[in-house]
Each structure stands twice: as structure tokens, then as C-alpha cells.
Amino acid sequence: MTASARPGPPRATLRRRLGVLLGVAAAVLGAVLVLTGYVAARSSQAQELVTQTYFDAVTRADAAYIRLVDAETAVRGYALTGDDVTLEPYHRSREQEDSITDVAQRVERTSQDEVLVASARAARDAADRWYDEFAEPTIAAVAAGGPTAVDPAAIETGRVLFDETRTAVEVYNAELRANRLEAVAAVEQWQRLTALIIAGLVVAALAVGTTLWVVLRRWVLAPVDELAAASRAVSSGDLSHVVRVDGPGEIEQLAADVEAMRVGLVTQLAALEESRREIADAHDRLTEQAEELRRSNRDLEQFAYVASHDLQEPLRKVASFTQLLKKRYGGQLDERADQYIDFAVDGAKRMQRLIQDLLGFSRVGRVGGEVVDVDVAQALDRAVDQLSERVEETGAVVTHGGLPVVRGEEPLLVQLLQNLVGNAVKFRHPDRVPHVHVSATRVEDSWEFECRDNGIGIDPQYAERVFVIFQRLHAKDLYEGTGIGLALCKKIVEFHGGRIWIPETAGDGTSIRWTLPAAEDDAPHAGVEGQA
């Protein structure tokens, strides 16, 4: 039966009645919702005051108090021993932002409670008195004259000042917690009021819902049920099911929209199926290209190895005969001929070093070695031993902190450390004795190593370029080398599953950091400190 043939009110009457009914319901519910929103906003403000403002204030105050106690202990220890190490807690408390003075000043700026502001000001003044009248003078006196420069009377005065400070801070903390308890009580009051209003909203919603059910059941629910059945048929997979409903104009329009959506879904599914086929084809092509790229990389590595290996013998002959030429005829020709012979010998030697470095570079990751537990401290000792002639010549000092045991190929890790320490000694500062320090820190599931020196440093703009093969930052007549060292280090680290980089370095020298995966059973403490 079509809508025009069905008995009952015309279409316009349905709309008018629904408009009036929904308008009244909206007015009632709107009033209740506005009241609910107001109460909820006030409750949220009160809760924010408790959970954020007062919580942050209490947390900062407690932390500042702990740092103040640590600072007092540090000053007393310094007055007794004169050891600068004991002052570290004091300096940290002065450098951090959330000191008693900072916390108190923040409260003075933000709080409207005069009692709380007064207690915060008293705590701040007491802390400033202790710092100004005891801590700073005592530190200055001990720094100038040693522990004997501070007499027991001064220590007692400091204790009295700190007791006053502690009392003032405790009063401030107690006042802060009391204000928080008042705020908690206000939150509970607003929450109770919110619950009452929500209950009223539920009652109003039930009344409106019942009225709507009675009015709409005859004119709307039956067509909607028919539309729902048709929609379920489509959603269950029968996309060929045509959605058509007889009923009021609004429901018919809704059915038409659902039918349009069904047609759109059919079209989109067809397009998605086509896209899926295209994606599968693209994936197959990418897989083929990746395999081709792997084959190409293997061919390039093999080429580099063979080329460098085959060049060794003829270059060795060139170097040997050039040296024989220099030995036999050196001094018998003119000065320019001797210079040309020197150039040839030097070029042959550099070419040999370059080929040897290139051969080593190509072997990393291609010639598989045994993966074992490697004590990094022992590997560092081996690396320094291989550099012993250069270390003794320059007077370099190589030290290390606690170093772990990692899984890897020991010769490669020794070569990594040898290159890094060798670079640090090579690029030393002319006015300083070279000092190289290697350390390690556990970072999540990896060990982060650092090789720090006091040499000439590296400009930050070249921090990435130095790891590219054959890249040099200095002329070859200033510093020898082939430009492969750091590139080889990068390849070794990446072969072991880590990464290497140069961070921004404060002060003189260069810091190079790299990571290596940590074994699952690694102990939390790694090695002992020492000198390599």
C-alpha cells in the first residue's frame, strides 16, 4: 500500500505534530541540560583545583622540601670534610627551578588565600635566610680556609636557622593540605548536586520518551521496522536487495537515501576490488625489484672485493720497483727526478692503503665470522695495544668506564675501537696531550657507547658527512688517511644491528656515540673503570 492510499493524518500533520512535540521536549530537556552543564562545569573546576592545582603545589612543595634537606646535609658535610663532592646535592637544589623560593613565589602570584600566601612568604624568607646567612658564607669560608674555618658556633647558628626554615616549610605544607581538603569537600558537594540533577534529567527523559513512543508508534515505527528489515538484508551481505518502503514521505526519503547508499557501496566495493588487484600487482613488482636490488648489492660487494684483491699484486710490484728505483738511482739524477720518484713511492703507498681499506670495508658483513660474547674492555685493550706505537709517540691517555659484554664478531669490534681511538689520537690538538675516554650506558634494550676526546673537534655541519666513504675534511698533506675509517665504523655498527652518530659536543674535542644490542641476560652493571 502506498502512502497516498493509507488512512490517517496527511503528511503535513505528522510533521506539525512532531514539531510541536519535539519543541516542548527540547525546551524541557534543554533547561535541565543547561542546569546540568552549569553544575558539571563547577564540579569540574573544583576537581581540577584538587587534582591539578593543589596536587601540583603539594608535590612541588614536598620535592622542594626534600631538596632543601639534601642541601642542608650537603653543607654540613662540606663544613666537616671540605670535599667538593659533598656539595653536589646543594648545587642541584640551587640550579633546579622548583626550590622552596620558587614554589613560594608561585603561590604568592596565583593564590588568593591570604593565610596560604603568608605561610608561603614565611617559608621563602626562612629559606632565603638560611641560604644567605649560613649556607653561602659557610661554603665560602670552607672553600677559602678548609673545614677548620667554620667554628661550632657557626654550625649551631646554621642548625637553628634551618630548624626555623623547616618549621616554616612544614607550616606552609600543612596550610596547603588544609586548603586541598576544603577543595575536596567542595568537589563532593558539587558531585552530589550533579547526581541529583542527573536523576531529574533521567526522569524528564523517561517522560518525554514515553510520550514520543505513544505518538510515534502508529505513524513511524511500522515503516521504520520495514526499513530496518530491508537494511539488515543488505548488511548481511545481500547487496542486490532493493530497499523500498511504503510510508510517510520522510520515511520514504530515508529509504531512498539507504538505497542510494547501497548502490554506492556496490560501486565502491567494485572499485576496492580493482584497487586490491592493483595493489597486489604492485606488491609483486616491488618484491621483484627488492630481490633485484639485493642481487645488485651482492654483485657490487663481490666486484669491490675482487677489484681490490686483484689490484694488490700489480700495485705491490709498482711500489717495490719504485722503491728500488729510488734506492739505486736516488741522488744520481737531478733534484726534480728525485722529487718525482718520491711522488711515485708516496702515491703507490697511499694506493696500497686505500685498496687495503677498501678490501676491509667490502669484507664487513660478507665474510661471516663467529659471533661470540665480546668483553668490550678487553677489545679496547687489544685496539690500544695495536696502536701502541702511535699512543707512545703522542703520549696519549686512553681510559674507559665500566664496559659491558656484548654479542658480536670480536675482530670487527676491535677494529671499530681501533679506528675510533686512532682517529682521536690522529686529530689531536697541538696544545693538549690527547685524552680519549670510552664509556657505556644501558638505554632500554641496547648499550649506548661514547668515545670522547679532547682533539680539534668536528664542525656540526659535517656530522653526517664524515660517515660517507672517501669523505675527508682535511687536506691529505695535513692528516694521512683514506677517508674510509668512519665509514667502516658505521658499517661495522650497522652490521651488528646498531647505529652511530656524532651528537652536539659541549666543550673541546669530539664525541662519537654508537649503540649495540644488549643480550637478554645482560647484568645491570657492566665491567669496571680503568685505563686501557
Protein backbone atom coordinates (compact mmCIF):
# COMPACT_ATOMS: atom_id res chain seq x y z
CA MET A 1 0.00 0.00 0.00
CA THR A 2 1.37 3.41 -0.95
CA ALA A 3 1.45 6.42 1.34
CA SER A 4 -1.39 8.18 -0.54
CA ALA A 5 -3.67 5.15 -0.09
CA ARG A 6 -3.05 4.69 3.63
CA PRO A 7 -5.61 6.09 6.10
CA GLY A 8 -4.58 8.57 8.76
CA PRO A 9 -3.32 12.11 9.02
CA PRO A 10 -1.74 13.71 5.99
CA ARG A 11 1.99 14.13 5.75
CA ALA A 12 1.96 17.78 6.82
CA THR A 13 0.06 16.95 10.04
CA LEU A 14 2.69 14.41 11.01
CA ARG A 15 5.38 17.00 10.63
CA ARG A 16 3.43 19.64 12.55
CA ARG A 17 2.64 17.33 15.45
CA LEU A 18 6.17 16.07 15.59
CA GLY A 19 7.44 19.64 15.51
CA VAL A 20 5.29 20.74 18.45
CA LEU A 21 6.05 17.61 20.47
CA LEU A 22 9.76 17.80 19.87
CA GLY A 23 9.80 21.53 20.57
CA VAL A 24 8.23 21.06 24.01
CA ALA A 25 10.51 18.11 24.75
CA ALA A 26 13.53 20.09 23.63
CA ALA A 27 12.59 23.03 25.85
CA VAL A 28 12.22 20.82 28.94
CA LEU A 29 15.35 18.82 28.30
CA GLY A 30 17.28 21.93 27.29
CA ALA A 31 16.53 23.63 30.60
CA VAL A 32 17.61 20.55 32.50
CA LEU A 33 20.74 20.20 30.37
CA VAL A 34 21.74 23.83 30.90
CA LEU A 35 21.46 23.37 34.65
CA THR A 36 23.36 20.10 34.40
CA GLY A 37 26.08 21.73 32.34
CA TYR A 38 26.47 24.55 34.83
CA VAL A 39 26.75 22.20 37.79
CA ALA A 40 29.09 19.88 35.90
CA ALA A 41 31.33 22.81 34.95
CA ARG A 42 31.54 23.96 38.56
CA SER A 43 32.26 20.40 39.67
CA SER A 44 34.97 20.09 37.01
CA GLN A 45 36.56 23.36 38.13
CA ALA A 46 36.57 22.21 41.74
CA GLN A 47 38.03 18.84 40.76
CA GLU A 48 40.71 20.47 38.64
CA LEU A 49 41.61 22.63 41.63
CA VAL A 50 42.09 19.46 43.70
CA THR A 51 43.73 17.14 41.16
CA GLN A 52 45.92 19.65 39.38
CA THR A 53 46.43 22.96 41.17
CA TYR A 54 46.69 21.70 44.74
CA PHE A 55 48.20 18.36 43.75
CA ASP A 56 50.95 20.10 41.77
CA ALA A 57 51.51 22.59 44.58
CA VAL A 58 51.78 19.85 47.23
CA THR A 59 54.07 17.76 45.01
CA ARG A 60 56.35 20.70 44.25
CA ALA A 61 56.42 21.74 47.91
CA ASP A 62 57.33 18.22 49.07
CA ALA A 63 60.04 17.90 46.42
CA ALA A 64 61.44 21.33 47.25
CA TYR A 65 61.48 20.43 50.94
CA ILE A 66 63.40 17.22 50.23
CA ARG A 67 65.92 19.12 48.10
CA LEU A 68 66.29 21.69 50.89
CA VAL A 69 67.04 18.92 53.41
CA ASP A 70 69.57 17.42 50.98
CA ALA A 71 71.17 20.84 50.56
CA GLU A 72 71.46 21.31 54.35
CA THR A 73 73.04 17.87 54.70
CA ALA A 74 75.45 18.69 51.89
CA VAL A 75 76.51 21.98 53.51
CA ARG A 76 77.08 20.33 56.88
CA GLY A 77 79.09 17.55 55.21
CA TYR A 78 81.14 20.10 53.31
CA ALA A 79 81.81 22.05 56.51
CA LEU A 80 83.10 18.85 58.15
CA THR A 81 85.13 17.41 55.24
CA GLY A 82 85.83 20.22 52.81
CA ASP A 83 85.18 17.76 49.96
CA ASP A 84 83.55 19.47 46.95
CA VAL A 85 81.74 16.24 46.03
CA THR A 86 79.52 16.58 49.09
CA LEU A 87 78.18 19.88 47.71
CA GLU A 88 76.61 18.30 44.61
CA PRO A 89 73.11 18.00 46.23
CA TYR A 90 73.38 21.65 47.31
CA HIS A 91 74.27 22.85 43.82
CA ARG A 92 71.49 20.76 42.28
CA SER A 93 68.97 22.30 44.70
CA ARG A 94 70.13 25.79 43.72
CA GLU A 95 70.06 25.08 39.98
CA GLN A 96 66.62 23.44 39.80
CA GLU A 97 63.61 25.65 39.30
CA ASP A 98 61.24 24.14 41.91
CA SER A 99 63.10 25.34 45.02
CA ILE A 100 61.29 26.50 48.16
CA THR A 101 61.71 30.08 46.97
CA ASP A 102 60.28 29.31 43.51
CA VAL A 103 57.33 27.36 44.94
CA ALA A 104 56.53 30.11 47.43
CA GLN A 105 56.74 32.83 44.78
CA ARG A 106 54.40 30.88 42.53
CA VAL A 107 51.84 30.62 45.33
CA GLU A 108 52.17 34.35 46.06
CA ARG A 109 51.43 35.13 42.41
CA THR A 110 48.50 32.76 41.91
CA SER A 111 46.72 32.19 45.23
CA GLN A 112 44.00 34.46 46.68
CA ASP A 113 44.23 32.86 50.15
CA GLU A 114 45.97 35.39 52.39
CA VAL A 115 46.85 32.81 55.06
CA LEU A 116 48.41 30.48 52.47
CA VAL A 117 50.29 33.36 50.84
CA ALA A 118 51.59 34.47 54.24
CA SER A 119 52.81 30.96 55.11
CA ALA A 120 54.44 30.64 51.68
CA ARG A 121 56.17 34.01 52.15
CA ALA A 122 57.38 32.96 55.60
CA ALA A 123 58.78 29.70 54.20
CA ARG A 124 60.51 31.59 51.40
CA ASP A 125 62.00 34.18 53.77
CA ALA A 126 63.25 31.48 56.15
CA ALA A 127 64.86 29.52 53.30
CA ASP A 128 66.48 32.70 51.94
CA ARG A 129 67.86 33.50 55.42
CA TRP A 130 69.37 30.05 55.71
CA TYR A 131 70.95 30.31 52.27
CA ASP A 132 72.20 33.89 52.73
CA GLU A 133 73.24 33.83 56.41
CA PHE A 134 74.63 30.32 56.74
CA ALA A 135 74.92 28.18 53.58
CA GLU A 136 76.69 30.61 51.25
CA PRO A 137 79.04 32.09 53.95
CA THR A 138 79.91 28.61 55.21
CA ILE A 139 80.71 27.33 51.71
CA ALA A 140 82.84 30.40 51.02
CA ALA A 141 84.66 30.05 54.34
CA VAL A 142 85.42 26.34 53.86
CA ALA A 143 86.49 26.95 50.26
CA ALA A 144 88.92 29.62 51.48
CA GLY A 145 90.23 28.11 54.73
CA GLY A 146 89.18 24.48 54.88
CA PRO A 147 86.91 22.76 57.43
CA THR A 148 88.66 24.49 60.35
CA ALA A 149 87.46 27.86 59.09
CA VAL A 150 83.93 27.19 60.44
CA ASP A 151 83.61 27.08 64.22
CA PRO A 152 80.95 25.10 66.14
CA ALA A 153 79.07 28.30 66.97
CA ALA A 154 78.51 28.96 63.27
CA ILE A 155 77.34 25.37 62.79
CA GLU A 156 74.87 25.78 65.66
CA THR A 157 73.63 29.05 64.16
CA GLY A 158 73.06 27.23 60.86
CA ARG A 159 71.17 24.47 62.64
CA VAL A 160 68.89 27.00 64.34
CA LEU A 161 68.24 28.79 61.03
CA PHE A 162 67.45 25.50 59.30
CA ASP A 163 65.11 24.46 62.13
CA GLU A 164 63.25 27.74 61.62
CA THR A 165 63.17 27.07 57.88
CA ARG A 166 61.91 23.52 58.39
CA THR A 167 59.18 24.75 60.73
CA ALA A 168 58.09 27.45 58.26
CA VAL A 169 58.02 24.98 55.37
CA GLU A 170 56.02 22.46 57.41
CA VAL A 171 53.51 25.17 58.33
CA TYR A 172 53.20 26.09 54.67
CA ASN A 173 52.72 22.44 53.67
CA ALA A 174 50.10 21.95 56.38
CA GLU A 175 48.20 25.04 55.22
CA LEU A 176 48.43 23.83 51.61
CA ARG A 177 46.99 20.43 52.53
CA ALA A 178 44.23 22.04 54.58
CA ASN A 179 43.20 24.13 51.57
CA ARG A 180 43.22 20.99 49.46
CA LEU A 181 40.90 19.23 51.92
CA GLU A 182 38.49 22.17 51.70
CA ALA A 183 38.58 21.89 47.92
CA VAL A 184 37.89 18.15 48.17
CA ALA A 185 34.82 18.86 50.29
CA ALA A 186 33.60 21.34 47.68
CA VAL A 187 34.08 18.72 44.94
CA GLU A 188 31.98 16.22 46.89
CA GLN A 189 29.21 18.79 47.35
CA TRP A 190 29.10 19.62 43.64
CA GLN A 191 29.14 15.94 42.76
CA ARG A 192 26.12 15.25 44.96
CA LEU A 193 24.27 18.11 43.32
CA THR A 194 25.26 16.77 39.90
CA ALA A 195 23.87 13.35 40.79
CA LEU A 196 20.52 14.87 41.82
CA ILE A 197 20.25 16.86 38.60
CA ILE A 198 21.16 13.82 36.52
CA ALA A 199 18.41 11.87 38.26
CA GLY A 200 15.97 14.65 37.33
CA LEU A 201 17.25 14.55 33.78
CA VAL A 202 16.63 10.81 33.65
CA VAL A 203 13.06 11.26 34.88
CA ALA A 204 12.41 14.01 32.32
CA ALA A 205 13.92 11.88 29.57
CA LEU A 206 11.70 8.94 30.54
CA ALA A 207 8.61 11.13 30.41
CA VAL A 208 9.50 12.57 27.04
CA GLY A 209 10.41 9.12 25.74
CA THR A 210 7.10 7.61 26.81
CA THR A 211 5.17 10.40 25.14
CA LEU A 212 7.14 10.06 21.93
CA TRP A 213 6.61 6.28 21.95
CA VAL A 214 2.85 6.62 22.18
CA VAL A 215 2.65 9.26 19.47
CA LEU A 216 5.14 7.80 17.00
CA ARG A 217 4.32 4.13 17.30
CA ARG A 218 1.40 4.28 14.86
CA TRP A 219 2.91 6.53 12.19
CA VAL A 220 6.61 5.88 12.28
CA LEU A 221 7.61 2.59 13.90
CA ALA A 222 5.94 0.25 11.43
CA PRO A 223 7.60 1.85 8.36
CA VAL A 224 10.88 2.05 10.23
CA ASP A 225 10.68 -1.67 11.07
CA GLU A 226 10.16 -2.41 7.42
CA LEU A 227 13.13 -0.20 6.51
CA ALA A 228 15.26 -1.89 9.21
CA ALA A 229 14.44 -5.33 7.82
CA ALA A 230 15.49 -4.23 4.36
CA SER A 231 18.68 -2.67 5.77
CA ARG A 232 19.54 -5.86 7.66
CA ALA A 233 19.15 -7.85 4.49
CA VAL A 234 21.64 -5.56 2.78
CA SER A 235 24.07 -5.52 5.75
CA SER A 236 24.01 -9.34 5.94
CA GLY A 237 25.57 -9.48 2.50
CA ASP A 238 22.63 -9.36 0.11
CA LEU A 239 23.78 -6.25 -1.73
CA SER A 240 21.33 -6.96 -4.57
CA HIS A 241 18.33 -6.47 -2.25
CA VAL A 242 16.48 -3.30 -3.31
CA VAL A 243 15.45 -1.07 -0.38
CA ARG A 244 11.89 0.19 -0.91
CA VAL A 245 9.43 1.19 1.90
CA ASP A 246 5.83 2.45 1.81
CA GLY A 247 5.13 5.07 4.47
CA PRO A 248 5.25 8.80 5.25
CA GLY A 249 7.26 10.96 2.95
CA GLU A 250 10.08 11.33 5.44
CA ILE A 251 10.48 7.57 5.78
CA GLU A 252 10.27 7.10 2.03
CA GLN A 253 13.03 9.68 1.59
CA LEU A 254 15.13 7.86 4.17
CA ALA A 255 14.58 4.59 2.32
CA ALA A 256 15.67 6.29 -0.90
CA ASP A 257 18.83 7.52 0.82
CA VAL A 258 19.56 4.00 2.10
CA GLU A 259 19.02 2.62 -1.38
CA ALA A 260 21.41 5.23 -2.77
CA MET A 261 23.92 4.22 -0.12
CA ARG A 262 23.52 0.55 -1.11
CA VAL A 263 24.16 1.40 -4.76
CA GLY A 264 27.19 3.49 -3.70
CA LEU A 265 28.53 0.61 -1.62
CA VAL A 266 28.22 -1.78 -4.53
CA THR A 267 30.12 0.67 -6.72
CA GLN A 268 32.80 1.26 -4.05
CA LEU A 269 33.26 -2.47 -3.45
CA ALA A 270 33.85 -2.97 -7.13
CA ALA A 271 36.39 -0.14 -7.09
CA LEU A 272 38.04 -1.56 -3.95
CA GLU A 273 38.34 -4.97 -5.56
CA GLU A 274 40.02 -3.38 -8.54
CA SER A 275 42.34 -1.40 -6.24
CA ARG A 276 43.18 -4.60 -4.35
CA ARG A 277 44.22 -6.27 -7.54
CA GLU A 278 46.37 -3.27 -8.47
CA ILE A 279 47.99 -3.26 -5.01
CA ALA A 280 48.74 -6.98 -5.27
CA ASP A 281 50.35 -6.42 -8.66
CA ALA A 282 52.38 -3.51 -7.29
CA HIS A 283 53.47 -5.61 -4.30
CA ASP A 284 54.68 -8.35 -6.63
CA ARG A 285 56.62 -5.83 -8.68
CA LEU A 286 58.18 -4.30 -5.53
CA THR A 287 59.19 -7.78 -4.34
CA GLU A 288 60.88 -8.46 -7.64
CA GLN A 289 62.65 -5.09 -7.55
CA ALA A 290 63.82 -5.68 -3.95
CA GLU A 291 65.25 -9.07 -4.90
CA GLU A 292 66.94 -7.50 -7.91
CA LEU A 293 68.39 -4.78 -5.65
CA ARG A 294 69.74 -7.43 -3.24
CA ARG A 295 71.36 -9.26 -6.13
CA SER A 296 72.82 -6.00 -7.39
CA ASN A 297 74.25 -5.17 -3.93
CA ARG A 298 75.83 -8.63 -3.70
CA ASP A 299 77.34 -8.17 -7.16
CA LEU A 300 78.71 -4.74 -6.19
CA GLU A 301 80.26 -6.11 -2.99
CA GLN A 302 81.80 -9.00 -4.93
CA PHE A 303 83.12 -6.58 -7.52
CA ALA A 304 84.69 -4.33 -4.86
CA TYR A 305 86.32 -7.34 -3.22
CA VAL A 306 87.67 -8.85 -6.45
CA ALA A 307 88.81 -5.49 -7.82
CA SER A 308 90.67 -4.54 -4.64
CA HIS A 309 92.11 -8.05 -4.24
CA ASP A 310 93.34 -8.27 -7.86
CA LEU A 311 94.90 -4.82 -7.67
CA GLN A 312 97.10 -5.82 -4.73
CA GLU A 313 99.76 -7.74 -6.69
CA PRO A 314 100.42 -5.25 -9.55
CA LEU A 315 100.39 -2.35 -7.12
CA ARG A 316 102.82 -4.19 -4.84
CA LYS A 317 105.14 -4.56 -7.82
CA VAL A 318 104.81 -0.87 -8.69
CA ALA A 319 105.61 0.11 -5.10
CA SER A 320 108.54 -2.34 -4.83
CA PHE A 321 110.18 -1.37 -8.13
CA THR A 322 109.61 2.34 -7.42
CA GLN A 323 111.35 1.94 -4.08
CA LEU A 324 114.21 0.01 -5.78
CA LEU A 325 114.47 2.81 -8.34
CA LYS A 326 114.75 5.33 -5.53
CA LYS A 327 117.31 3.21 -3.67
CA ARG A 328 119.54 2.62 -6.72
CA TYR A 329 119.31 5.93 -8.55
CA GLY A 330 118.40 8.31 -5.73
CA GLY A 331 120.86 11.20 -5.76
CA GLN A 332 122.26 10.27 -9.17
CA LEU A 333 119.65 12.25 -11.09
CA ASP A 334 118.69 15.86 -10.69
CA GLU A 335 116.59 17.11 -7.75
CA ARG A 336 113.33 17.14 -9.75
CA ALA A 337 113.80 13.46 -10.72
CA ASP A 338 114.26 12.55 -7.05
CA GLN A 339 111.12 14.50 -6.27
CA TYR A 340 109.18 12.65 -8.96
CA ILE A 341 110.39 9.30 -7.59
CA ASP A 342 109.25 10.35 -4.08
CA PHE A 343 105.85 11.27 -5.50
CA ALA A 344 105.57 7.87 -7.18
CA VAL A 345 106.56 5.98 -3.99
CA ASP A 346 104.18 8.02 -1.87
CA GLY A 347 101.33 7.56 -4.36
CA ALA A 348 101.88 3.80 -4.52
CA LYS A 349 101.85 3.54 -0.72
CA ARG A 350 98.68 5.60 -0.49
CA MET A 351 97.07 3.45 -3.17
CA GLN A 352 98.03 0.31 -1.22
CA ARG A 353 96.49 1.71 1.95
CA LEU A 354 93.37 2.73 0.04
CA ILE A 355 92.95 -0.73 -1.52
CA GLN A 356 93.56 -2.44 1.82
CA ASP A 357 90.96 -0.21 3.49
CA LEU A 358 88.52 -0.78 0.64
CA LEU A 359 89.10 -4.53 0.89
CA GLY A 360 88.39 -4.43 4.63
CA PHE A 361 85.30 -2.31 4.03
CA SER A 362 83.93 -4.79 1.49
CA ARG A 363 84.53 -7.75 3.81
CA VAL A 364 82.36 -6.40 6.65
CA GLY A 365 79.18 -8.45 6.74
CA ARG A 366 80.26 -10.55 3.75
CA VAL A 367 82.92 -12.74 5.29
CA GLY A 368 80.97 -14.12 8.24
CA GLY A 369 82.94 -14.57 11.47
CA GLU A 370 81.98 -16.32 14.68
CA VAL A 371 79.52 -14.43 16.86
CA VAL A 372 80.72 -14.71 20.48
CA ASP A 373 80.49 -12.90 23.79
CA VAL A 374 82.91 -9.97 23.49
CA ASP A 375 84.22 -8.14 26.54
CA VAL A 376 84.39 -4.58 25.23
CA ALA A 377 87.01 -3.63 27.82
CA GLN A 378 89.34 -6.38 26.58
CA ALA A 379 88.58 -5.44 22.96
CA LEU A 380 89.58 -1.85 23.79
CA ASP A 381 92.85 -3.10 25.33
CA ARG A 382 93.62 -5.02 22.13
CA ALA A 383 92.81 -1.97 20.00
CA VAL A 384 95.08 0.28 22.09
CA ASP A 385 97.83 -2.35 22.00
CA GLN A 386 97.71 -2.31 18.19
CA LEU A 387 98.02 1.49 18.37
CA SER A 388 100.78 1.36 21.00
CA GLU A 389 103.45 2.98 18.80
CA ARG A 390 101.23 5.97 17.98
CA VAL A 391 99.98 6.22 21.59
CA GLU A 392 103.52 6.22 23.00
CA GLU A 393 104.68 8.71 20.37
CA THR A 394 101.96 11.23 21.22
CA GLY A 395 101.75 10.48 24.96
CA ALA A 396 98.01 9.84 24.59
CA VAL A 397 95.98 8.67 27.59
CA VAL A 398 93.16 6.19 26.84
CA THR A 399 90.73 5.46 29.70
CA HIS A 400 87.36 3.79 29.96
CA GLY A 401 84.42 3.46 32.31
CA GLY A 402 82.51 0.27 33.03
CA LEU A 403 82.12 -1.56 29.71
CA PRO A 404 79.72 -4.48 29.09
CA VAL A 405 79.96 -7.82 27.37
CA VAL A 406 78.10 -7.88 24.04
CA ARG A 407 77.41 -10.41 21.32
CA GLY A 408 79.31 -9.85 18.09
CA GLU A 409 82.33 -10.60 15.93
CA GLU A 410 85.34 -9.78 18.10
CA PRO A 411 87.76 -8.78 15.26
CA LEU A 412 85.21 -6.29 13.89
CA LEU A 413 84.57 -4.74 17.31
CA VAL A 414 88.32 -4.47 17.94
CA GLN A 415 88.68 -2.77 14.54
CA LEU A 416 85.81 -0.40 15.41
CA LEU A 417 87.51 0.68 18.65
CA GLN A 418 90.91 0.87 16.96
CA ASN A 419 89.58 3.22 14.28
CA LEU A 420 87.81 5.47 16.79
CA VAL A 421 90.77 5.71 19.20
CA GLY A 422 93.19 6.08 16.28
CA ASN A 423 91.15 8.96 14.85
CA ALA A 424 91.07 10.64 18.27
CA VAL A 425 94.88 10.42 18.52
CA LYS A 426 95.43 11.45 14.87
CA PHE A 427 93.26 14.56 15.10
CA ARG A 428 94.72 15.69 18.41
CA HIS A 429 95.01 19.33 19.43
CA PRO A 430 98.60 20.62 19.13
CA ASP A 431 98.39 22.33 22.54
CA ARG A 432 96.99 19.40 24.55
CA VAL A 433 98.03 15.86 25.44
CA PRO A 434 95.48 13.56 23.73
CA HIS A 435 92.93 12.08 26.15
CA VAL A 436 90.41 9.51 24.94
CA HIS A 437 87.66 8.10 27.18
CA VAL A 438 85.29 5.26 26.25
CA SER A 439 82.11 4.70 28.29
CA ALA A 440 78.82 2.80 28.03
CA THR A 441 75.27 3.36 29.27
CA ARG A 442 72.32 0.98 29.19
CA VAL A 443 69.42 2.53 27.20
CA GLU A 444 66.35 0.26 27.12
CA ASP A 445 67.37 -2.87 25.17
CA SER A 446 70.71 -1.51 23.88
CA TRP A 447 74.10 -0.36 25.12
CA GLU A 448 74.99 3.20 24.11
CA PHE A 449 78.76 3.72 23.86
CA GLU A 450 80.66 7.01 23.69
CA CYS A 451 84.22 7.73 22.59
CA ARG A 452 85.12 11.23 23.81
CA ASP A 453 88.40 13.05 23.07
CA ASN A 454 89.91 16.50 23.55
CA GLY A 455 91.12 16.94 19.99
CA ILE A 456 90.41 19.53 17.32
CA GLY A 457 86.71 18.61 17.09
CA ILE A 458 84.32 18.27 14.14
CA ASP A 459 82.12 21.07 12.83
CA PRO A 460 78.43 20.06 13.42
CA GLN A 461 77.64 20.68 9.74
CA TYR A 462 79.88 17.72 8.85
CA ALA A 463 78.43 15.33 11.47
CA GLU A 464 76.77 13.19 8.78
CA ARG A 465 79.30 13.67 6.00
CA VAL A 466 82.21 12.09 7.94
CA PHE A 467 80.49 8.68 7.82
CA VAL A 468 80.40 8.68 3.99
CA ILE A 469 83.15 6.63 2.36
CA PHE A 470 86.12 8.60 0.95
CA GLN A 471 84.95 11.82 2.63
CA ARG A 472 87.80 13.90 4.09
CA LEU A 473 87.55 17.19 5.99
CA HIS A 474 91.28 17.99 5.81
CA ALA A 475 93.92 18.04 3.11
CA LYS A 476 95.86 14.77 2.77
CA ASP A 477 99.16 16.61 3.40
CA LEU A 478 97.88 17.65 6.85
CA TYR A 479 96.46 14.32 8.02
CA GLU A 480 97.14 10.93 6.45
CA GLY A 481 94.32 8.52 5.74
CA THR A 482 91.98 7.29 3.03
CA GLY A 483 88.64 8.61 4.28
CA ILE A 484 87.28 5.11 4.92
CA GLY A 485 87.79 4.84 8.69
CA LEU A 486 84.48 6.25 9.96
CA ALA A 487 82.57 4.74 7.03
CA LEU A 488 83.98 1.37 8.10
CA CYS A 489 82.93 2.08 11.71
CA LYS A 490 79.40 2.84 10.50
CA LYS A 491 79.27 -0.38 8.51
CA ILE A 492 80.51 -2.46 11.47
CA VAL A 493 77.99 -0.91 13.88
CA GLU A 494 75.09 -1.34 11.46
CA PHE A 495 76.19 -4.93 10.75
CA HIS A 496 75.77 -5.59 14.49
CA GLY A 497 72.30 -4.02 14.50
CA GLY A 498 73.22 -0.62 15.97
CA ARG A 499 73.66 2.94 14.78
CA ILE A 500 76.47 5.52 15.06
CA TRP A 501 76.30 9.31 15.18
CA ILE A 502 78.06 12.47 16.33
CA PRO A 503 76.00 14.46 18.87
CA GLU A 504 76.40 18.12 19.66
CA THR A 505 79.53 18.21 21.82
CA ALA A 506 79.87 20.73 24.63
CA GLY A 507 83.44 21.93 25.18
CA ASP A 508 86.57 20.88 23.34
CA GLY A 509 87.03 17.73 21.30
CA THR A 510 84.65 15.29 19.68
CA SER A 511 82.10 12.81 20.99
CA ILE A 512 81.16 9.81 18.83
CA ARG A 513 78.34 7.59 20.05
CA TRP A 514 77.10 4.21 18.84
CA THR A 515 74.71 1.55 20.02
CA LEU A 516 74.91 -2.23 20.16
CA PRO A 517 72.01 -4.53 21.09
CA ALA A 518 72.16 -5.82 24.66
CA ALA A 519 71.81 -9.52 25.39
CA GLU A 520 68.69 -10.55 27.28
CA ASP A 521 70.73 -11.85 30.23
CA ASP A 522 72.99 -8.77 30.48
CA ALA A 523 73.73 -7.78 34.06
CA PRO A 524 72.68 -4.28 35.10
CA HIS A 525 76.30 -3.37 35.97
CA ALA A 526 78.92 -3.62 33.22
CA GLY A 527 82.61 -4.00 33.91
CA VAL A 528 84.90 -1.75 35.90
CA GLU A 529 86.56 1.55 35.15
CA GLY A 530 90.22 1.64 34.20
CA GLN A 531 92.91 2.74 31.79
CA ALA A 532 93.49 0.95 28.53
